[in-house]
N, C-alpha and C. Protein backbone atom coordinates (compact mmCIF):
# COMPACT_ATOMS: atom_id res chain seq x y z
N MET A 1 -26.49 19.26 -44.99
CA MET A 1 -27.73 19.81 -45.54
C MET A 1 -28.12 20.47 -44.33
N ASN A 2 -29.52 21.06 -43.55
CA ASN A 2 -29.75 21.44 -42.34
C ASN A 2 -31.31 22.32 -43.04
N PHE A 3 -31.49 22.38 -43.77
CA PHE A 3 -32.85 21.99 -44.03
C PHE A 3 -33.90 22.30 -45.41
N VAL A 4 -35.40 21.71 -45.46
CA VAL A 4 -35.91 20.91 -46.27
C VAL A 4 -37.48 22.06 -46.08
N SER A 5 -37.59 22.70 -46.75
CA SER A 5 -39.26 23.74 -46.47
C SER A 5 -40.24 22.67 -46.64
N SER A 6 -41.35 23.13 -46.08
CA SER A 6 -42.34 22.65 -46.61
C SER A 6 -43.28 22.42 -48.15
N PRO A 7 -44.08 22.01 -48.48
CA PRO A 7 -44.93 22.52 -49.17
C PRO A 7 -44.97 23.96 -50.13
N GLY A 8 -45.15 24.75 -50.55
CA GLY A 8 -45.82 25.54 -50.77
C GLY A 8 -46.08 25.88 -49.84
N ARG A 9 -44.70 26.56 -49.26
CA ARG A 9 -44.12 27.57 -48.06
C ARG A 9 -42.58 28.62 -49.20
N PHE A 10 -42.32 29.76 -48.09
CA PHE A 10 -41.14 30.63 -49.00
C PHE A 10 -40.78 30.43 -48.07
N LEU A 11 -38.91 30.90 -48.95
CA LEU A 11 -37.56 30.37 -48.60
C LEU A 11 -37.44 31.07 -46.81
N SER A 12 -38.31 32.13 -46.75
CA SER A 12 -38.45 32.43 -45.48
C SER A 12 -38.36 31.75 -44.17
N GLU A 13 -39.26 30.27 -44.91
CA GLU A 13 -39.89 29.87 -43.29
C GLU A 13 -38.92 29.19 -42.53
N ILE A 14 -37.93 29.31 -42.90
CA ILE A 14 -36.11 29.59 -42.20
C ILE A 14 -35.91 29.71 -40.79
N TYR A 15 -36.73 30.86 -41.11
CA TYR A 15 -35.85 32.12 -39.82
C TYR A 15 -37.04 31.59 -38.80
N ASP A 16 -37.72 30.15 -39.41
CA ASP A 16 -38.87 29.86 -36.95
C ASP A 16 -37.98 29.27 -36.95
N PHE A 17 -36.81 28.73 -37.98
CA PHE A 17 -36.28 26.83 -37.12
C PHE A 17 -34.27 28.08 -36.93
N TYR A 18 -34.36 28.67 -37.02
CA TYR A 18 -32.75 30.26 -37.30
C TYR A 18 -33.56 31.57 -36.64
N PRO A 19 -34.60 31.32 -36.07
CA PRO A 19 -34.77 32.20 -34.55
C PRO A 19 -33.81 33.94 -34.39
N GLY A 20 -33.95 34.93 -34.68
CA GLY A 20 -32.82 35.52 -34.77
C GLY A 20 -30.99 35.82 -35.27
N GLN A 21 -31.45 35.06 -35.98
CA GLN A 21 -29.77 35.30 -37.19
C GLN A 21 -30.95 35.46 -39.35
N GLU A 22 -31.80 36.50 -38.79
CA GLU A 22 -31.91 36.74 -40.10
C GLU A 22 -31.02 37.24 -41.14
N TYR A 23 -30.75 38.08 -40.23
CA TYR A 23 -29.12 38.30 -40.81
C TYR A 23 -27.77 38.09 -40.55
N ASP A 24 -27.91 36.97 -40.64
CA ASP A 24 -26.32 35.58 -40.43
C ASP A 24 -27.23 35.54 -41.14
N LEU A 25 -27.48 34.51 -41.80
CA LEU A 25 -28.04 33.40 -42.18
C LEU A 25 -27.17 33.52 -43.56
N GLU A 26 -27.30 32.93 -45.15
CA GLU A 26 -26.58 33.25 -46.29
C GLU A 26 -26.86 31.95 -46.69
N TYR A 27 -27.61 31.78 -47.34
CA TYR A 27 -28.10 31.56 -48.64
C TYR A 27 -27.47 31.14 -49.87
N LYS A 28 -27.55 29.95 -49.88
CA LYS A 28 -25.94 29.40 -50.91
C LYS A 28 -26.90 28.11 -51.44
N TYR A 29 -26.74 28.37 -52.90
CA TYR A 29 -26.93 27.17 -53.75
C TYR A 29 -26.03 26.48 -54.36
N GLU A 30 -25.70 25.54 -54.35
CA GLU A 30 -24.64 24.84 -55.51
C GLU A 30 -24.50 23.02 -55.11
N GLU A 31 -25.01 23.21 -56.27
CA GLU A 31 -25.21 22.46 -57.30
C GLU A 31 -24.18 20.64 -56.44
N LYS A 32 -23.36 21.10 -56.48
CA LYS A 32 -22.82 20.11 -55.12
C LYS A 32 -23.01 19.23 -53.93
N GLN A 33 -23.85 20.69 -53.05
CA GLN A 33 -24.20 19.92 -52.69
C GLN A 33 -25.91 19.71 -52.64
N THR A 34 -26.89 19.75 -53.05
CA THR A 34 -27.98 19.97 -53.42
C THR A 34 -28.50 18.95 -53.52
N LYS A 35 -27.49 18.59 -55.50
CA LYS A 35 -27.90 17.34 -56.20
C LYS A 35 -28.59 15.64 -55.58
N PRO A 36 -27.53 15.40 -55.01
CA PRO A 36 -28.13 14.22 -54.12
C PRO A 36 -28.62 14.80 -52.98
N VAL A 37 -28.88 15.24 -52.58
CA VAL A 37 -30.78 16.05 -52.16
C VAL A 37 -31.20 15.90 -52.58
N LYS A 38 -31.29 16.26 -54.13
CA LYS A 38 -32.52 16.62 -55.05
C LYS A 38 -33.12 15.02 -55.10
N GLU A 39 -31.30 14.50 -54.93
CA GLU A 39 -32.17 12.43 -56.01
C GLU A 39 -32.62 11.62 -54.98
N GLN A 40 -32.23 11.77 -54.19
CA GLN A 40 -32.47 11.76 -53.27
C GLN A 40 -34.15 11.57 -52.13
N LEU A 41 -33.82 12.05 -52.19
CA LEU A 41 -35.48 12.59 -52.27
C LEU A 41 -36.02 12.31 -53.34
N GLU A 42 -36.01 12.47 -54.50
CA GLU A 42 -36.76 12.19 -55.43
C GLU A 42 -36.47 10.31 -55.32
N GLU A 43 -35.42 9.52 -55.25
CA GLU A 43 -35.75 8.53 -54.95
C GLU A 43 -36.91 8.00 -53.49
N TYR A 44 -36.89 9.10 -53.02
CA TYR A 44 -37.49 8.16 -51.80
C TYR A 44 -38.94 8.42 -52.82
N LEU A 45 -38.97 9.08 -53.02
CA LEU A 45 -40.58 9.72 -53.32
C LEU A 45 -41.11 9.20 -54.39
N THR A 46 -40.61 7.86 -55.30
CA THR A 46 -40.86 7.10 -56.19
C THR A 46 -40.56 6.03 -55.21
N GLY A 47 -40.06 5.78 -54.33
CA GLY A 47 -40.38 4.27 -54.15
C GLY A 47 -38.86 3.56 -53.80
N LYS A 48 -37.96 3.68 -54.22
CA LYS A 48 -36.92 3.35 -54.84
C LYS A 48 -35.57 3.81 -53.58
N ARG A 49 -35.91 4.85 -52.77
CA ARG A 49 -35.17 4.60 -51.65
C ARG A 49 -35.93 4.87 -49.77
N GLU A 50 -35.05 4.40 -48.68
CA GLU A 50 -35.62 3.76 -47.98
C GLU A 50 -35.44 4.99 -46.71
N GLN A 51 -33.50 5.01 -47.14
CA GLN A 51 -33.26 5.70 -45.85
C GLN A 51 -32.23 6.95 -46.97
N PHE A 52 -31.62 7.91 -46.43
CA PHE A 52 -31.35 8.82 -46.23
C PHE A 52 -29.09 8.97 -46.24
N ASP A 53 -28.87 8.51 -46.89
CA ASP A 53 -26.48 8.94 -46.64
C ASP A 53 -26.34 10.15 -46.78
N VAL A 54 -27.17 10.84 -47.46
CA VAL A 54 -26.63 13.14 -47.14
C VAL A 54 -26.07 12.82 -46.11
N PRO A 55 -25.11 13.98 -45.35
CA PRO A 55 -24.69 14.65 -44.49
C PRO A 55 -26.21 15.16 -43.58
N LEU A 56 -26.82 15.53 -42.17
CA LEU A 56 -27.46 16.44 -41.91
C LEU A 56 -26.79 17.30 -40.98
N ASP A 57 -26.46 18.28 -40.92
CA ASP A 57 -25.97 19.06 -40.22
C ASP A 57 -27.29 20.02 -39.25
N LEU A 58 -27.60 19.48 -37.78
CA LEU A 58 -28.32 20.70 -37.10
C LEU A 58 -27.47 20.63 -35.48
N THR A 59 -26.89 20.16 -36.15
CA THR A 59 -25.65 20.81 -34.48
C THR A 59 -25.68 22.77 -34.34
N ASP A 60 -26.21 23.09 -35.16
CA ASP A 60 -26.06 25.10 -35.32
C ASP A 60 -28.01 25.47 -34.63
N THR A 61 -29.22 24.11 -35.09
CA THR A 61 -30.72 24.29 -34.49
C THR A 61 -31.01 23.32 -33.64
N GLY A 62 -31.36 23.80 -32.87
CA GLY A 62 -32.59 23.39 -31.98
C GLY A 62 -31.52 22.59 -30.60
N THR A 63 -32.63 22.89 -29.16
CA THR A 63 -31.98 22.85 -28.07
C THR A 63 -31.19 21.44 -28.55
N GLU A 64 -31.11 20.84 -27.38
CA GLU A 64 -30.05 19.42 -27.39
C GLU A 64 -31.49 18.80 -26.95
N PHE A 65 -32.50 18.83 -26.38
CA PHE A 65 -33.64 18.23 -26.76
C PHE A 65 -33.96 17.55 -27.24
N GLN A 66 -34.60 18.84 -28.42
CA GLN A 66 -34.90 18.62 -30.20
C GLN A 66 -33.78 17.87 -30.89
N GLN A 67 -32.19 17.83 -30.53
CA GLN A 67 -31.63 16.59 -31.01
C GLN A 67 -31.87 16.15 -31.20
N GLN A 68 -32.19 15.49 -28.92
CA GLN A 68 -32.07 13.99 -29.27
C GLN A 68 -33.39 13.28 -29.47
N VAL A 69 -34.76 14.10 -29.86
CA VAL A 69 -35.64 13.81 -30.07
C VAL A 69 -35.60 13.30 -32.45
N TRP A 70 -34.16 14.46 -32.80
CA TRP A 70 -33.84 14.06 -34.13
C TRP A 70 -33.60 12.80 -34.47
N ARG A 71 -32.50 12.51 -33.50
CA ARG A 71 -32.06 11.60 -33.72
C ARG A 71 -32.52 9.99 -33.44
N ALA A 72 -33.46 10.61 -32.54
CA ALA A 72 -34.47 9.59 -32.32
C ALA A 72 -35.59 8.34 -32.94
N ILE A 73 -35.79 9.47 -34.50
CA ILE A 73 -37.42 9.79 -35.26
C ILE A 73 -36.04 8.74 -36.00
N GLN A 74 -34.60 9.34 -36.91
CA GLN A 74 -34.65 8.89 -37.61
C GLN A 74 -33.85 6.72 -37.08
N ALA A 75 -34.04 6.94 -36.26
CA ALA A 75 -33.87 5.64 -35.74
C ALA A 75 -35.14 4.32 -35.70
N ILE A 76 -36.43 5.40 -36.38
CA ILE A 76 -37.94 4.77 -36.34
C ILE A 76 -37.83 3.91 -37.54
N PRO A 77 -37.77 2.63 -38.03
CA PRO A 77 -37.69 1.89 -39.51
C PRO A 77 -38.62 2.72 -41.14
N TYR A 78 -38.32 3.19 -41.55
CA TYR A 78 -38.55 3.30 -42.54
C TYR A 78 -40.53 1.65 -42.95
N GLY A 79 -41.46 2.98 -42.68
CA GLY A 79 -43.00 2.14 -42.97
C GLY A 79 -43.98 1.60 -42.04
N GLN A 80 -42.59 1.94 -40.47
CA GLN A 80 -43.79 1.94 -39.04
C GLN A 80 -43.44 3.71 -38.95
N THR A 81 -45.31 3.86 -37.63
CA THR A 81 -44.27 4.87 -37.01
C THR A 81 -44.36 3.72 -35.27
N ILE A 82 -44.50 5.13 -34.01
CA ILE A 82 -44.29 5.29 -33.67
C ILE A 82 -45.24 5.87 -32.90
N THR A 83 -45.30 5.75 -31.31
CA THR A 83 -46.63 7.31 -30.49
C THR A 83 -46.08 7.72 -30.27
N TYR A 84 -45.77 9.42 -30.48
CA TYR A 84 -45.45 11.06 -29.70
C TYR A 84 -44.85 10.43 -27.55
N LYS A 85 -46.03 9.43 -27.26
CA LYS A 85 -45.64 8.97 -26.39
C LYS A 85 -44.66 7.42 -26.30
N GLN A 86 -44.34 7.20 -26.58
CA GLN A 86 -43.38 6.24 -27.51
C GLN A 86 -41.82 6.72 -27.74
N LEU A 87 -42.10 8.17 -27.79
CA LEU A 87 -40.79 8.38 -28.64
C LEU A 87 -40.62 9.38 -27.44
N ALA A 88 -41.46 9.83 -26.70
CA ALA A 88 -40.86 10.35 -25.18
C ALA A 88 -39.56 9.39 -24.41
N GLU A 89 -40.83 8.13 -23.75
CA GLU A 89 -40.41 7.43 -23.35
C GLU A 89 -38.98 6.27 -23.58
N GLN A 90 -38.66 7.16 -25.08
CA GLN A 90 -36.82 6.21 -26.30
C GLN A 90 -35.69 7.39 -25.89
N VAL A 91 -37.20 8.48 -25.84
CA VAL A 91 -35.79 9.54 -25.21
C VAL A 91 -35.52 9.91 -24.05
N GLY A 92 -35.96 7.95 -23.01
CA GLY A 92 -36.51 8.69 -21.68
C GLY A 92 -36.83 9.98 -20.52
N ARG A 93 -37.37 10.44 -21.32
CA ARG A 93 -38.77 11.41 -20.63
C ARG A 93 -40.54 10.16 -20.53
N PRO A 94 -41.09 10.92 -19.59
CA PRO A 94 -41.62 10.36 -18.54
C PRO A 94 -43.11 10.37 -20.02
N PRO A 95 -43.96 9.21 -19.67
CA PRO A 95 -45.00 10.05 -20.95
C PRO A 95 -46.05 11.05 -20.75
N GLU A 96 -45.38 11.11 -19.74
CA GLU A 96 -46.43 13.01 -19.27
C GLU A 96 -45.42 13.91 -20.41
N ALA A 97 -44.15 13.78 -21.31
CA ALA A 97 -43.71 14.53 -22.04
C ALA A 97 -43.74 14.80 -23.06
N VAL A 98 -45.57 14.36 -23.90
CA VAL A 98 -45.56 14.28 -25.32
C VAL A 98 -45.19 15.66 -25.89
N ARG A 99 -45.93 16.75 -24.67
CA ARG A 99 -45.77 17.99 -25.34
C ARG A 99 -45.18 17.90 -25.96
N ALA A 100 -44.05 17.58 -25.03
CA ALA A 100 -42.61 18.42 -24.58
C ALA A 100 -42.37 17.77 -26.46
N VAL A 101 -42.08 16.98 -26.11
CA VAL A 101 -41.64 15.66 -27.93
C VAL A 101 -42.52 16.62 -29.23
N GLY A 102 -43.50 16.41 -29.23
CA GLY A 102 -45.04 17.14 -29.47
C GLY A 102 -43.69 18.54 -31.16
N HIS A 103 -43.72 18.84 -29.53
CA HIS A 103 -43.10 20.08 -29.87
C HIS A 103 -41.38 20.84 -30.48
N ALA A 104 -41.04 19.34 -30.01
CA ALA A 104 -39.53 19.00 -30.50
C ALA A 104 -39.84 17.98 -31.69
N VAL A 105 -40.46 17.47 -32.50
CA VAL A 105 -41.33 16.83 -33.44
C VAL A 105 -41.35 18.65 -34.79
N ALA A 106 -41.67 18.92 -34.05
CA ALA A 106 -42.42 20.58 -35.29
C ALA A 106 -41.20 21.10 -35.07
N MET A 107 -40.38 21.37 -34.32
CA MET A 107 -39.22 21.98 -34.67
C MET A 107 -38.46 21.23 -35.51
N ASN A 108 -38.79 20.27 -36.15
CA ASN A 108 -37.75 19.43 -37.39
C ASN A 108 -37.41 20.40 -38.78
N PRO A 109 -36.31 20.21 -38.52
CA PRO A 109 -35.55 21.14 -39.39
C PRO A 109 -36.07 20.79 -41.08
N LEU A 110 -36.15 19.29 -40.06
CA LEU A 110 -35.44 18.84 -42.74
C LEU A 110 -36.29 17.06 -42.76
N LEU A 111 -37.56 18.90 -42.60
CA LEU A 111 -38.86 17.24 -42.84
C LEU A 111 -38.35 16.08 -43.99
N ILE A 112 -39.36 14.67 -44.02
CA ILE A 112 -38.64 13.42 -44.79
C ILE A 112 -37.17 13.23 -44.10
N LEU A 113 -36.37 13.72 -44.63
CA LEU A 113 -34.94 12.87 -44.26
C LEU A 113 -34.47 12.92 -42.68
N VAL A 114 -35.08 13.56 -42.12
CA VAL A 114 -35.61 13.29 -40.25
C VAL A 114 -37.18 12.74 -40.21
N PRO A 115 -37.89 12.21 -40.46
CA PRO A 115 -38.55 11.65 -40.80
C PRO A 115 -39.87 11.55 -40.04
N CYS A 116 -40.49 12.95 -39.08
CA CYS A 116 -40.97 13.24 -38.04
C CYS A 116 -42.36 12.38 -38.71
N HIS A 117 -42.77 12.07 -40.40
CA HIS A 117 -44.20 12.29 -40.63
C HIS A 117 -44.24 10.80 -40.07
N ARG A 118 -43.50 9.91 -39.12
CA ARG A 118 -44.36 8.33 -38.55
C ARG A 118 -44.17 8.44 -37.39
N VAL A 119 -44.64 10.27 -36.92
CA VAL A 119 -44.87 9.63 -34.67
C VAL A 119 -46.28 10.33 -35.38
N ILE A 120 -46.12 9.23 -34.73
CA ILE A 120 -48.34 10.23 -35.33
C ILE A 120 -49.13 9.85 -33.11
N LYS A 121 -50.45 9.87 -32.97
CA LYS A 121 -50.93 9.95 -31.74
C LYS A 121 -51.60 9.01 -31.61
N ALA A 122 -51.42 8.28 -29.84
CA ALA A 122 -51.74 6.96 -29.44
C ALA A 122 -52.88 6.76 -29.73
N ASN A 123 -53.91 7.80 -30.38
CA ASN A 123 -54.99 7.17 -30.60
C ASN A 123 -55.35 6.43 -32.80
N GLY A 124 -54.09 7.21 -33.86
CA GLY A 124 -53.95 6.73 -34.11
C GLY A 124 -54.08 7.30 -34.69
N ASP A 125 -54.88 8.32 -34.48
CA ASP A 125 -54.83 10.13 -35.66
C ASP A 125 -53.30 10.39 -35.63
N LEU A 126 -52.58 11.25 -37.30
CA LEU A 126 -52.27 10.82 -37.51
C LEU A 126 -51.37 12.77 -36.83
N GLY A 127 -51.68 13.02 -36.38
CA GLY A 127 -51.83 14.48 -35.50
C GLY A 127 -51.92 15.22 -36.50
N LYS A 128 -50.76 16.87 -36.51
CA LYS A 128 -49.91 17.66 -37.28
C LYS A 128 -48.35 17.23 -37.56
N TYR A 129 -48.26 17.99 -38.97
CA TYR A 129 -47.41 18.48 -39.43
C TYR A 129 -46.93 19.09 -40.44
N ARG A 130 -45.79 20.22 -39.95
CA ARG A 130 -45.05 21.10 -40.61
C ARG A 130 -45.85 21.12 -42.43
N GLY A 131 -45.55 20.46 -42.96
CA GLY A 131 -45.90 19.94 -44.65
C GLY A 131 -47.36 19.66 -44.14
N GLY A 132 -47.86 19.84 -43.82
CA GLY A 132 -49.90 19.70 -44.03
C GLY A 132 -49.69 18.09 -43.64
N VAL A 133 -51.05 18.04 -42.75
CA VAL A 133 -51.75 16.47 -42.71
C VAL A 133 -52.18 16.26 -43.29
N ALA A 134 -52.09 15.89 -45.29
CA ALA A 134 -52.45 15.88 -45.70
C ALA A 134 -51.02 14.61 -46.40
N ALA A 135 -50.79 15.68 -46.56
CA ALA A 135 -48.38 15.36 -47.00
C ALA A 135 -48.21 13.75 -46.51
N LYS A 136 -48.70 14.49 -44.85
CA LYS A 136 -48.15 12.94 -43.69
C LYS A 136 -48.82 12.04 -43.69
N GLN A 137 -50.10 12.27 -44.72
CA GLN A 137 -50.89 10.72 -44.88
C GLN A 137 -50.24 10.49 -46.55
N LYS A 138 -49.76 10.63 -47.65
CA LYS A 138 -49.56 10.64 -48.77
C LYS A 138 -47.73 9.86 -48.39
N LEU A 139 -47.01 10.93 -46.80
CA LEU A 139 -45.72 9.70 -47.30
C LEU A 139 -46.08 8.76 -46.36
N LEU A 140 -47.04 8.78 -45.32
CA LEU A 140 -47.03 7.16 -44.79
C LEU A 140 -47.74 6.13 -46.09
N GLU A 141 -48.41 6.30 -46.56
CA GLU A 141 -48.98 5.59 -47.82
C GLU A 141 -48.18 5.50 -48.43
N LEU A 142 -47.17 6.00 -49.48
CA LEU A 142 -45.81 5.90 -50.40
C LEU A 142 -45.32 4.52 -49.55
N GLU A 143 -44.90 4.50 -48.34
CA GLU A 143 -44.09 3.40 -47.70
C GLU A 143 -44.94 2.16 -47.70
N GLN A 144 -46.43 2.27 -46.72
CA GLN A 144 -47.14 1.23 -47.37
C GLN A 144 -46.98 0.44 -48.67
N THR A 145 -47.05 1.08 -49.19
CA THR A 145 -47.43 1.01 -49.92
C THR A 145 -46.07 0.33 -50.73
N VAL A 146 -44.56 1.02 -51.22
CA VAL A 146 -43.51 -0.72 -51.49
C VAL A 146 -42.77 -1.05 -50.16
N ILE A 147 -43.39 -1.53 -48.56
CA ILE A 147 -43.15 -2.40 -48.11
C ILE A 147 -44.63 -3.59 -48.18
N THR A 148 -45.29 -2.75 -48.38
CA THR A 148 -46.40 -3.84 -49.22
C THR A 148 -45.84 -4.73 -50.64
N LYS A 149 -45.20 -4.35 -51.87
CA LYS A 149 -44.53 -4.53 -53.44
C LYS A 149 -43.84 -5.91 -52.83
N LYS A 150 -42.77 -5.36 -51.49
CA LYS A 150 -41.64 -6.43 -51.11
C LYS A 150 -42.12 -7.04 -50.96
N ALA A 151 -42.42 -7.64 -49.62
CA ALA A 151 -43.39 -8.48 -49.24
C ALA A 151 -44.22 -9.20 -49.83
N ALA A 152 -45.32 -8.80 -50.97
CA ALA A 152 -45.65 -9.60 -51.97
C ALA A 152 -45.21 -10.63 -52.87
N PRO A 153 -45.07 -12.14 -52.40
CA PRO A 153 -44.89 -13.41 -52.57
C PRO A 153 -44.80 -13.32 -54.25
N PRO A 154 -43.86 -14.11 -54.49
CA PRO A 154 -44.01 -14.12 -56.14
C PRO A 154 -44.62 -14.54 -57.37
N ARG A 155 -44.89 -13.98 -58.31
CA ARG A 155 -45.59 -14.52 -59.03
C ARG A 155 -45.53 -16.41 -59.63
N ARG A 156 -46.35 -17.16 -59.13
CA ARG A 156 -46.26 -18.73 -60.01
C ARG A 156 -45.76 -18.72 -61.11
N LEU A 157 -45.26 -19.87 -61.24
CA LEU A 157 -44.71 -19.68 -62.92
C LEU A 157 -45.28 -20.98 -62.56
N PRO A 158 -45.82 -21.12 -64.05
CA PRO A 158 -45.68 -22.01 -64.75
C PRO A 158 -45.28 -23.06 -65.03
N LEU A 159 -44.88 -23.75 -64.39
CA LEU A 159 -44.14 -25.11 -63.83
C LEU A 159 -45.29 -26.27 -64.73
N PRO A 160 -44.43 -27.58 -64.92
CA PRO A 160 -45.51 -28.75 -65.64
C PRO A 160 -46.01 -29.88 -64.75
N HIS A 161 -47.02 -30.24 -65.23
CA HIS A 161 -47.15 -31.29 -64.47
C HIS A 161 -46.56 -32.03 -64.08
N LEU A 162 -46.69 -33.31 -63.24
CA LEU A 162 -45.86 -34.29 -63.19
C LEU A 162 -46.10 -35.16 -64.17
N SER A 163 -46.96 -35.52 -64.99
CA SER A 163 -47.00 -36.20 -65.59
C SER A 163 -46.26 -35.63 -67.24
N GLN A 164 -46.27 -34.47 -66.92
CA GLN A 164 -45.61 -33.90 -68.86
C GLN A 164 -44.24 -34.02 -68.52
N LEU A 165 -43.66 -33.99 -66.95
CA LEU A 165 -42.11 -34.51 -67.72
C LEU A 165 -41.22 -35.30 -67.81
N ASN A 166 -40.07 -35.31 -68.63
CA ASN A 166 -39.07 -35.79 -68.95
C ASN A 166 -39.43 -36.14 -70.12
N ARG A 167 -40.80 -34.74 -70.92
CA ARG A 167 -41.81 -35.27 -72.10
C ARG A 167 -41.25 -34.35 -73.42
N PRO A 168 -40.26 -35.23 -74.07
CA PRO A 168 -39.62 -33.20 -75.08
C PRO A 168 -40.03 -32.85 -75.76
N GLY A 169 -39.57 -31.34 -76.07
CA GLY A 169 -40.22 -30.80 -76.68
C GLY A 169 -41.64 -30.08 -75.55
N LEU A 170 -41.54 -30.07 -75.02
CA LEU A 170 -42.74 -29.38 -74.32
C LEU A 170 -41.28 -28.22 -73.64
């Protein structure tokens, strides 16, 4: 897998991520390769999956710095966010490198699979997102909802009162 398009965009969006290769690119639809990705994305979007285990191929995409940023993004835990500044520090760059890091995040060709929606501004604003800010908000809300459901205490079981113990027929 080497590209996930934005909602409502045309396949030609791929040229933004592989500039100058318009005539070298070959589009293939192979059920064997696309079915696991589709299934895992559907599982993620319905709250049944937190991590993806489909193979990602970013070898011919981006600069070495961008690939370093994308690897760091993949390490952000489900349901959590980090700031562009924190991401810069994680890849060994000074805090002033937030613009370069932001550009690397924006050039992520694998929406959701490389969860760049988990990177936000230091002031808490969401920042931009190739899929749209509304989509970024929904993805973050989805992850928080799943985390909240998992952390919810179990319902209280109807246990008998001490006075009812050892009484047959209860």
